[in-house]
Amino acid sequence: MQLEDYFDFLAPDDIRIRGTRVGIETVLYEYIHQSQSPEAIARRYPALTLEQVYATITYYFHNQAAVETYLADWLAHGERMRAEQERNPTPAMLKLRQMRNQYLSAFQVAEERTPYGAD
């Protein structure tokens, strides 16, 4: 079995672990940025076998420059999408923010009415 046989190369920016919907970025983010062990990653993602996790990490080391570019693009895309969501929140998000602000205001008012140290 070749290392590439562990993956489905759907597009230049979409490499999935074969037989799953999990992208290599998921495993590699956990491994590189969260310092998770392969065993911890396999436990966190039950759709993956430990062999698949190790294959993904090995693929990274064999293609480090290309995969680092892939990951940097993935992280930049995520940052752009979060910024877009912040600029144009959905109606549901606006409602949640409103509810949170009402809760915090009510909590603050209640806290101001309670004397310090009074329980």
N, C-alpha and C. Protein backbone atom coordinates (compact mmCIF):
# COMPACT_ATOMS: atom_id res chain seq x y z
N MET A 1 0.85 -1.19 0.00
CA MET A 1 0.00 0.00 0.00
C MET A 1 0.89 1.24 0.00
N GLN A 2 0.58 2.15 -0.89
CA GLN A 2 1.29 3.43 -0.95
C GLN A 2 0.69 4.40 0.07
N LEU A 3 1.51 5.31 0.54
CA LEU A 3 1.05 6.30 1.51
C LEU A 3 -0.16 7.07 1.00
N GLU A 4 -0.15 7.45 -0.29
CA GLU A 4 -1.25 8.23 -0.86
C GLU A 4 -2.56 7.45 -0.89
N ASP A 5 -2.49 6.13 -0.78
CA ASP A 5 -3.71 5.31 -0.79
C ASP A 5 -4.57 5.54 0.45
N TYR A 6 -4.02 6.19 1.46
CA TYR A 6 -4.78 6.50 2.67
C TYR A 6 -5.69 7.72 2.49
N PHE A 7 -5.57 8.40 1.36
CA PHE A 7 -6.25 9.68 1.20
C PHE A 7 -7.07 9.76 -0.08
N ASP A 8 -8.08 10.62 -0.04
CA ASP A 8 -8.85 10.99 -1.23
C ASP A 8 -8.48 12.44 -1.54
N PHE A 9 -7.90 12.67 -2.69
CA PHE A 9 -7.49 14.00 -3.11
C PHE A 9 -8.64 14.58 -3.94
N LEU A 10 -9.58 15.25 -3.25
CA LEU A 10 -10.79 15.75 -3.90
C LEU A 10 -10.54 17.03 -4.68
N ALA A 11 -9.64 17.85 -4.19
CA ALA A 11 -9.28 19.12 -4.84
C ALA A 11 -7.93 19.53 -4.25
N PRO A 12 -7.27 20.50 -4.86
CA PRO A 12 -5.98 20.93 -4.30
C PRO A 12 -6.09 21.40 -2.84
N ASP A 13 -7.26 21.91 -2.47
CA ASP A 13 -7.45 22.39 -1.11
C ASP A 13 -8.39 21.49 -0.29
N ASP A 14 -8.52 20.24 -0.70
CA ASP A 14 -9.42 19.32 0.01
C ASP A 14 -8.88 17.89 -0.08
N ILE A 15 -8.11 17.53 0.94
CA ILE A 15 -7.58 16.17 1.03
C ILE A 15 -8.23 15.52 2.23
N ARG A 16 -8.94 14.43 1.97
CA ARG A 16 -9.65 13.71 3.04
C ARG A 16 -8.96 12.39 3.32
N ILE A 17 -9.16 11.92 4.53
CA ILE A 17 -8.68 10.60 4.90
C ILE A 17 -9.67 9.60 4.33
N ARG A 18 -9.18 8.70 3.50
CA ARG A 18 -10.03 7.76 2.75
C ARG A 18 -10.99 7.02 3.69
N GLY A 19 -12.25 6.96 3.25
CA GLY A 19 -13.27 6.26 4.01
C GLY A 19 -13.91 7.10 5.09
N THR A 20 -13.50 8.37 5.19
CA THR A 20 -14.06 9.28 6.18
C THR A 20 -14.37 10.62 5.51
N ARG A 21 -14.97 11.50 6.27
CA ARG A 21 -15.16 12.87 5.80
C ARG A 21 -14.15 13.80 6.47
N VAL A 22 -13.17 13.23 7.14
CA VAL A 22 -12.19 14.00 7.90
C VAL A 22 -11.06 14.46 6.98
N GLY A 23 -10.79 15.76 7.00
CA GLY A 23 -9.69 16.31 6.22
C GLY A 23 -8.38 16.15 6.96
N ILE A 24 -7.29 16.12 6.21
CA ILE A 24 -5.98 15.99 6.86
C ILE A 24 -5.70 17.17 7.78
N GLU A 25 -6.30 18.32 7.47
CA GLU A 25 -6.07 19.50 8.30
C GLU A 25 -6.56 19.29 9.73
N THR A 26 -7.60 18.50 9.90
CA THR A 26 -8.14 18.23 11.23
C THR A 26 -7.10 17.50 12.08
N VAL A 27 -6.53 16.45 11.53
CA VAL A 27 -5.52 15.68 12.25
C VAL A 27 -4.26 16.51 12.47
N LEU A 28 -3.82 17.18 11.42
CA LEU A 28 -2.57 17.91 11.51
C LEU A 28 -2.67 19.13 12.42
N TYR A 29 -3.83 19.79 12.48
CA TYR A 29 -3.99 20.91 13.40
C TYR A 29 -3.86 20.40 14.84
N GLU A 30 -4.50 19.28 15.12
CA GLU A 30 -4.41 18.70 16.47
C GLU A 30 -2.96 18.33 16.80
N TYR A 31 -2.29 17.76 15.83
CA TYR A 31 -0.92 17.29 16.05
C TYR A 31 0.08 18.45 16.15
N ILE A 32 0.01 19.38 15.22
CA ILE A 32 1.00 20.46 15.15
C ILE A 32 0.68 21.60 16.12
N HIS A 33 -0.55 22.09 16.09
CA HIS A 33 -0.89 23.29 16.85
C HIS A 33 -1.40 23.01 18.26
N GLN A 34 -1.95 21.82 18.47
CA GLN A 34 -2.47 21.48 19.79
C GLN A 34 -1.57 20.47 20.52
N SER A 35 -0.50 20.06 19.88
CA SER A 35 0.48 19.13 20.46
C SER A 35 -0.16 17.84 20.98
N GLN A 36 -1.15 17.35 20.25
CA GLN A 36 -1.82 16.11 20.63
C GLN A 36 -1.05 14.91 20.08
N SER A 37 -1.05 13.85 20.83
CA SER A 37 -0.40 12.62 20.37
C SER A 37 -1.30 11.94 19.34
N PRO A 38 -0.72 11.09 18.50
CA PRO A 38 -1.56 10.34 17.56
C PRO A 38 -2.66 9.53 18.27
N GLU A 39 -2.32 8.96 19.41
CA GLU A 39 -3.31 8.19 20.17
C GLU A 39 -4.46 9.07 20.65
N ALA A 40 -4.14 10.26 21.12
CA ALA A 40 -5.18 11.18 21.58
C ALA A 40 -6.07 11.61 20.41
N ILE A 41 -5.47 11.83 19.27
CA ILE A 41 -6.24 12.23 18.08
C ILE A 41 -7.18 11.11 17.67
N ALA A 42 -6.69 9.88 17.66
CA ALA A 42 -7.53 8.74 17.29
C ALA A 42 -8.69 8.58 18.27
N ARG A 43 -8.44 8.84 19.55
CA ARG A 43 -9.53 8.76 20.54
C ARG A 43 -10.56 9.87 20.32
N ARG A 44 -10.08 11.04 19.96
CA ARG A 44 -10.99 12.19 19.78
C ARG A 44 -11.85 12.05 18.53
N TYR A 45 -11.33 11.38 17.50
CA TYR A 45 -12.04 11.22 16.24
C TYR A 45 -12.28 9.73 15.99
N PRO A 46 -13.38 9.20 16.50
CA PRO A 46 -13.62 7.76 16.40
C PRO A 46 -13.75 7.24 14.98
N ALA A 47 -13.98 8.10 14.00
CA ALA A 47 -14.05 7.67 12.61
C ALA A 47 -12.67 7.28 12.07
N LEU A 48 -11.62 7.66 12.80
CA LEU A 48 -10.26 7.40 12.35
C LEU A 48 -9.62 6.27 13.14
N THR A 49 -8.82 5.50 12.43
CA THR A 49 -8.00 4.50 13.10
C THR A 49 -6.66 5.14 13.46
N LEU A 50 -5.97 4.52 14.38
CA LEU A 50 -4.64 5.01 14.73
C LEU A 50 -3.72 4.93 13.51
N GLU A 51 -3.88 3.92 12.70
CA GLU A 51 -3.09 3.78 11.47
C GLU A 51 -3.32 4.98 10.54
N GLN A 52 -4.57 5.41 10.40
CA GLN A 52 -4.88 6.57 9.54
C GLN A 52 -4.25 7.84 10.10
N VAL A 53 -4.27 7.99 11.41
CA VAL A 53 -3.65 9.17 12.02
C VAL A 53 -2.15 9.18 11.75
N TYR A 54 -1.50 8.05 11.96
CA TYR A 54 -0.07 7.96 11.68
C TYR A 54 0.22 8.17 10.21
N ALA A 55 -0.62 7.66 9.33
CA ALA A 55 -0.43 7.86 7.89
C ALA A 55 -0.51 9.35 7.54
N THR A 56 -1.43 10.06 8.17
CA THR A 56 -1.58 11.50 7.91
C THR A 56 -0.34 12.26 8.38
N ILE A 57 0.15 11.91 9.54
CA ILE A 57 1.35 12.58 10.06
C ILE A 57 2.57 12.24 9.18
N THR A 58 2.66 11.00 8.76
CA THR A 58 3.75 10.59 7.86
C THR A 58 3.66 11.33 6.54
N TYR A 59 2.44 11.46 6.00
CA TYR A 59 2.24 12.20 4.75
C TYR A 59 2.73 13.64 4.93
N TYR A 60 2.43 14.23 6.07
CA TYR A 60 2.89 15.59 6.36
C TYR A 60 4.42 15.67 6.31
N PHE A 61 5.09 14.73 6.97
CA PHE A 61 6.55 14.78 7.00
C PHE A 61 7.16 14.49 5.63
N HIS A 62 6.51 13.71 4.81
CA HIS A 62 7.02 13.40 3.47
C HIS A 62 6.76 14.54 2.48
N ASN A 63 5.79 15.38 2.78
CA ASN A 63 5.41 16.47 1.87
C ASN A 63 5.29 17.78 2.65
N GLN A 64 6.24 18.02 3.53
CA GLN A 64 6.11 19.10 4.51
C GLN A 64 5.87 20.47 3.89
N ALA A 65 6.61 20.86 2.88
CA ALA A 65 6.44 22.20 2.31
C ALA A 65 5.04 22.36 1.72
N ALA A 66 4.59 21.40 0.95
CA ALA A 66 3.27 21.49 0.31
C ALA A 66 2.16 21.44 1.36
N VAL A 67 2.31 20.59 2.36
CA VAL A 67 1.27 20.47 3.38
C VAL A 67 1.24 21.71 4.27
N GLU A 68 2.39 22.29 4.55
CA GLU A 68 2.40 23.53 5.34
C GLU A 68 1.68 24.65 4.58
N THR A 69 1.85 24.71 3.28
CA THR A 69 1.11 25.69 2.47
C THR A 69 -0.39 25.39 2.53
N TYR A 70 -0.73 24.12 2.39
CA TYR A 70 -2.14 23.67 2.48
C TYR A 70 -2.75 24.11 3.82
N LEU A 71 -2.02 23.87 4.92
CA LEU A 71 -2.52 24.24 6.24
C LEU A 71 -2.61 25.76 6.42
N ALA A 72 -1.62 26.49 5.92
CA ALA A 72 -1.65 27.95 6.02
C ALA A 72 -2.85 28.51 5.26
N ASP A 73 -3.13 27.96 4.09
CA ASP A 73 -4.30 28.39 3.31
C ASP A 73 -5.59 28.07 4.06
N TRP A 74 -5.64 26.88 4.67
CA TRP A 74 -6.83 26.47 5.43
C TRP A 74 -7.05 27.40 6.63
N LEU A 75 -5.98 27.72 7.35
CA LEU A 75 -6.11 28.63 8.50
C LEU A 75 -6.52 30.04 8.06
N ALA A 76 -5.95 30.52 6.96
CA ALA A 76 -6.30 31.85 6.45
C ALA A 76 -7.76 31.88 6.01
N HIS A 77 -8.22 30.81 5.36
CA HIS A 77 -9.62 30.73 4.96
C HIS A 77 -10.53 30.80 6.19
N GLY A 78 -10.18 30.07 7.22
CA GLY A 78 -10.98 30.10 8.45
C GLY A 78 -11.03 31.49 9.06
N GLU A 79 -9.91 32.19 9.07
CA GLU A 79 -9.86 33.55 9.60
C GLU A 79 -10.74 34.49 8.77
N ARG A 80 -10.68 34.34 7.44
CA ARG A 80 -11.53 35.17 6.57
C ARG A 80 -13.01 34.90 6.83
N MET A 81 -13.37 33.65 6.98
CA MET A 81 -14.77 33.29 7.20
C MET A 81 -15.27 33.81 8.56
N ARG A 82 -14.42 33.73 9.60
CA ARG A 82 -14.81 34.27 10.91
C ARG A 82 -14.99 35.78 10.84
N ALA A 83 -14.11 36.46 10.12
CA ALA A 83 -14.23 37.92 9.96
C ALA A 83 -15.51 38.26 9.21
N GLU A 84 -15.82 37.49 8.17
CA GLU A 84 -17.05 37.72 7.41
C GLU A 84 -18.28 37.49 8.28
N GLN A 85 -18.26 36.46 9.09
CA GLN A 85 -19.38 36.20 9.99
C GLN A 85 -19.53 37.31 11.02
N GLU A 86 -18.43 37.87 11.44
CA GLU A 86 -18.48 38.97 12.41
C GLU A 86 -19.08 40.22 11.76
N ARG A 87 -18.71 40.46 10.49
CA ARG A 87 -19.24 41.63 9.78
C ARG A 87 -20.70 41.45 9.41
N ASN A 88 -21.11 40.25 9.08
CA ASN A 88 -22.47 39.96 8.62
C ASN A 88 -23.08 38.80 9.39
N PRO A 89 -23.40 39.03 10.67
CA PRO A 89 -23.93 37.93 11.47
C PRO A 89 -25.33 37.52 10.99
N THR A 90 -25.63 36.25 11.18
CA THR A 90 -26.95 35.73 10.83
C THR A 90 -27.97 36.27 11.82
N PRO A 91 -29.27 36.24 11.47
CA PRO A 91 -30.30 36.64 12.44
C PRO A 91 -30.23 35.84 13.73
N ALA A 92 -29.92 34.56 13.63
CA ALA A 92 -29.80 33.73 14.84
C ALA A 92 -28.66 34.23 15.72
N MET A 93 -27.54 34.58 15.12
CA MET A 93 -26.41 35.08 15.90
C MET A 93 -26.75 36.43 16.54
N LEU A 94 -27.45 37.29 15.83
CA LEU A 94 -27.86 38.57 16.41
C LEU A 94 -28.76 38.34 17.62
N LYS A 95 -29.68 37.39 17.50
CA LYS A 95 -30.58 37.08 18.61
C LYS A 95 -29.79 36.53 19.80
N LEU A 96 -28.86 35.64 19.56
CA LEU A 96 -28.04 35.10 20.65
C LEU A 96 -27.22 36.20 21.34
N ARG A 97 -26.67 37.11 20.56
CA ARG A 97 -25.92 38.23 21.16
C ARG A 97 -26.83 39.10 22.01
N GLN A 98 -28.03 39.35 21.50
CA GLN A 98 -28.99 40.15 22.26
C GLN A 98 -29.34 39.46 23.58
N MET A 99 -29.60 38.17 23.52
CA MET A 99 -29.93 37.41 24.73
C MET A 99 -28.76 37.42 25.72
N ARG A 100 -27.53 37.26 25.21
CA ARG A 100 -26.35 37.29 26.07
C ARG A 100 -26.21 38.65 26.74
N ASN A 101 -26.40 39.73 25.99
CA ASN A 101 -26.28 41.07 26.56
C ASN A 101 -27.35 41.32 27.61
N GLN A 102 -28.57 40.85 27.37
CA GLN A 102 -29.64 40.99 28.37
C GLN A 102 -29.29 40.22 29.64
N TYR A 103 -28.76 39.02 29.48
CA TYR A 103 -28.38 38.20 30.63
C TYR A 103 -27.28 38.90 31.42
N LEU A 104 -26.25 39.37 30.71
CA LEU A 104 -25.14 40.04 31.39
C LEU A 104 -25.59 41.31 32.09
N SER A 105 -26.50 42.05 31.47
CA SER A 105 -27.03 43.27 32.10
C SER A 105 -27.80 42.93 33.36
N ALA A 106 -28.63 41.92 33.29
CA ALA A 106 -29.41 41.51 34.45
C ALA A 106 -28.48 41.01 35.56
N PHE A 107 -27.45 40.26 35.21
CA PHE A 107 -26.50 39.75 36.19
C PHE A 107 -25.75 40.90 36.85
N GLN A 108 -25.37 41.88 36.05
CA GLN A 108 -24.63 43.03 36.58
C GLN A 108 -25.50 43.83 37.54
N VAL A 109 -26.77 44.03 37.18
CA VAL A 109 -27.70 44.76 38.05
C VAL A 109 -27.87 44.00 39.36
N ALA A 110 -28.06 42.71 39.30
CA ALA A 110 -28.23 41.90 40.51
C ALA A 110 -26.97 41.96 41.37
N GLU A 111 -25.83 41.95 40.75
CA GLU A 111 -24.56 42.00 41.48
C GLU A 111 -24.39 43.36 42.17
N GLU A 112 -24.82 44.44 41.52
CA GLU A 112 -24.72 45.77 42.10
C GLU A 112 -25.65 45.93 43.30
N ARG A 113 -26.76 45.21 43.30
CA ARG A 113 -27.72 45.29 44.41
C ARG A 113 -27.31 44.47 45.63
N THR A 114 -26.42 43.52 45.43
CA THR A 114 -25.97 42.66 46.52
C THR A 114 -24.76 43.29 47.17
N PRO A 115 -24.84 43.56 48.48
CA PRO A 115 -23.69 44.15 49.16
C PRO A 115 -22.49 43.21 49.11
N TYR A 116 -21.32 43.80 49.06
CA TYR A 116 -20.10 43.02 48.98
C TYR A 116 -19.99 42.13 50.21
N GLY A 117 -19.71 40.85 49.96
CA GLY A 117 -19.52 39.91 51.04
C GLY A 117 -20.82 39.34 51.59
N ALA A 118 -21.95 39.81 51.11
CA ALA A 118 -23.23 39.29 51.60
C ALA A 118 -23.57 38.03 50.83
N ASP A 119 -23.81 36.97 51.53
CA ASP A 119 -24.20 35.71 50.90
C ASP A 119 -25.48 35.21 51.51
